[in-house]
Amino acid sequence: MIALLPHPSTPGAAVRGVHAAAARTAQGRLALRYRVEGDLERLRIPPPRAPAPGERLWQHFCCEAFVAPAAAPAAAGAGAGSYREFNFSPSGEWAAYAFERYREGGPLAVPDPGIAVRTDGALELSASVEVDPAAKLRVALCVVIEERDGALSYWALAHPAPRPDFHLPEGFALELA
């Protein structure tokens, strides 16, 4: 698993560390895992619900993946290309969005990503989504953590801006062949 970094403006008092991993499966899916370590009692973790699509999950405790096709160097650049955003709540809810370019897009219907959550000293969440099995991918792994007092911290592989913004293409720091 790869360590995610807190955004400098939102370090999060109750969290010691966040790790994430992404790997392709033989079935053409992207398997995602997240681990949040810290004082779980101080976090606002949503209770389990029946698996279903949710709304505005990113405003609370939410594990996220942003996935884009790896562009040829000539096509790369700020704001270049389409991407998808996947949100996974510890409640079992999920959401997906398709974007044609930076923050221009809307909801995307996807099948149940099979969210599984385990808490045993840390919170572990796993899910998987369909991706193009032949495409090279750029991935941003991110987590929004909400503490009981309402404070939010933003964790990612990279934070390329002064304010948290997971949509920036420079944050898609993991490449998968």
Foldseek 3Di string as FASTA:
>chain_A
DAWWAWQPVARDDFWPTKDKDWDADPVQKIKIKIKTAGDVVQFDADAADPAEADPPLLLAWKKKKKKFFDDDPVQDDKFGAKIKMKIQGPNNHIWMWIAGTQVHTGTDDFPRQPWDWDDDNIIMIMGMGHDHSPTKMQMKIKTWTATPVGRIIIIINDAPDNDRDCRIPVRSHDIDD
